[in-house]
Amino acid sequence: MHRMKGLEFRCAVVAGVSDGAVPLPNAVRAADVDKQAHALDLLRERSLLFVACTRAREDLVVTWNGTPSAFLDATIRRE
């Protein structure tokens, strides 16, 4: 996802947006250690997903296995 900023495609697939995978567990510091760093890490990870999902001009497919990431909300239609 890091290398996608500024690029655009007719369609895009963002795969593996499952709970426990997005956000990456090792990319988010524990809230009980540093609440501010935890919040910033979550914001950064959410922003990366946003960038990945906004690369598609026409069609976007988001997949997950099991439970979807909490980062996916009502703005993503499930069809």
Protein backbone atom coordinates (compact mmCIF):
# COMPACT_ATOMS: atom_id res chain seq x y z
CA MET A 1 0.00 0.00 0.00
CA HIS A 2 2.87 2.39 0.65
CA ARG A 3 3.86 2.55 -3.03
CA MET A 4 0.34 3.22 -4.32
CA LYS A 5 0.03 6.89 -3.40
CA GLY A 6 -0.38 9.03 -6.50
CA LEU A 7 -1.22 6.08 -8.77
CA GLU A 8 -4.64 5.40 -10.25
CA PHE A 9 -6.11 2.33 -11.95
CA ARG A 10 -9.37 1.51 -13.71
CA CYS A 11 -9.99 -1.20 -11.12
CA ALA A 12 -8.26 -2.24 -7.93
CA VAL A 13 -8.36 -5.21 -5.58
CA VAL A 14 -7.47 -4.73 -1.94
CA ALA A 15 -7.14 -8.26 -0.58
CA GLY A 16 -6.86 -9.60 2.94
CA VAL A 17 -8.55 -6.77 4.82
CA SER A 18 -9.34 -9.13 7.70
CA ASP A 19 -9.54 -8.51 11.41
CA GLY A 20 -6.08 -9.20 12.79
CA ALA A 21 -4.38 -8.39 9.48
CA VAL A 22 -5.44 -4.76 8.98
CA PRO A 23 -4.13 -2.88 10.79
CA LEU A 24 -0.91 -4.83 10.97
CA PRO A 25 -0.55 -5.87 14.61
CA ASN A 26 3.15 -4.97 14.79
CA ALA A 27 2.49 -1.55 13.23
CA VAL A 28 0.35 -0.31 16.13
CA ARG A 29 1.87 0.41 19.51
CA ALA A 30 -0.08 -0.68 22.58
CA ALA A 31 -2.52 1.89 23.94
CA ASP A 32 -1.59 1.08 27.53
CA VAL A 33 2.04 2.03 26.82
CA ASP A 34 1.49 5.23 24.81
CA LYS A 35 -2.07 6.35 23.99
CA GLN A 36 -0.98 9.15 21.67
CA ALA A 37 1.37 6.91 19.67
CA HIS A 38 -1.33 4.24 19.51
CA ALA A 39 -3.84 6.74 18.09
CA LEU A 40 -1.32 8.02 15.53
CA ASP A 41 -0.43 4.48 14.47
CA LEU A 42 -4.10 3.64 13.94
CA LEU A 43 -4.58 6.84 11.94
CA ARG A 44 -1.59 6.01 9.76
CA GLU A 45 -2.80 2.46 9.12
CA ARG A 46 -6.34 3.66 8.34
CA SER A 47 -4.87 6.23 5.94
CA LEU A 48 -2.91 3.51 4.12
CA LEU A 49 -6.10 1.52 3.61
CA PHE A 50 -7.86 4.65 2.39
CA VAL A 51 -5.08 5.29 -0.15
CA ALA A 52 -5.30 1.71 -1.39
CA CYS A 53 -9.08 1.90 -1.76
CA THR A 54 -9.06 5.22 -3.57
CA ARG A 55 -6.70 4.11 -6.35
CA ALA A 56 -9.62 2.69 -8.36
CA ARG A 57 -11.33 5.01 -10.84
CA GLU A 58 -14.23 2.66 -11.60
CA ASP A 59 -14.25 -0.62 -9.71
CA LEU A 60 -12.97 -1.58 -6.28
CA VAL A 61 -12.98 -5.08 -4.80
CA VAL A 62 -12.13 -5.52 -1.13
CA THR A 63 -11.72 -9.05 0.25
CA TRP A 64 -11.27 -10.53 3.68
CA ASN A 65 -11.34 -13.94 5.30
CA GLY A 66 -13.47 -14.45 8.38
CA THR A 67 -14.21 -11.17 10.08
CA PRO A 68 -13.50 -7.99 8.11
CA SER A 69 -11.19 -5.38 9.61
CA ALA A 70 -12.81 -2.84 11.89
CA PHE A 71 -11.43 -0.26 9.44
CA LEU A 72 -14.12 -1.29 6.96
CA ASP A 73 -17.36 0.42 7.88
CA ALA A 74 -20.67 1.43 6.33
CA THR A 75 -18.88 3.33 3.57
CA ILE A 76 -17.96 -0.01 1.95
CA ARG A 77 -20.99 -1.73 0.42
CA ARG A 78 -21.04 -5.50 0.74
CA GLU A 79 -22.38 -7.09 -2.43
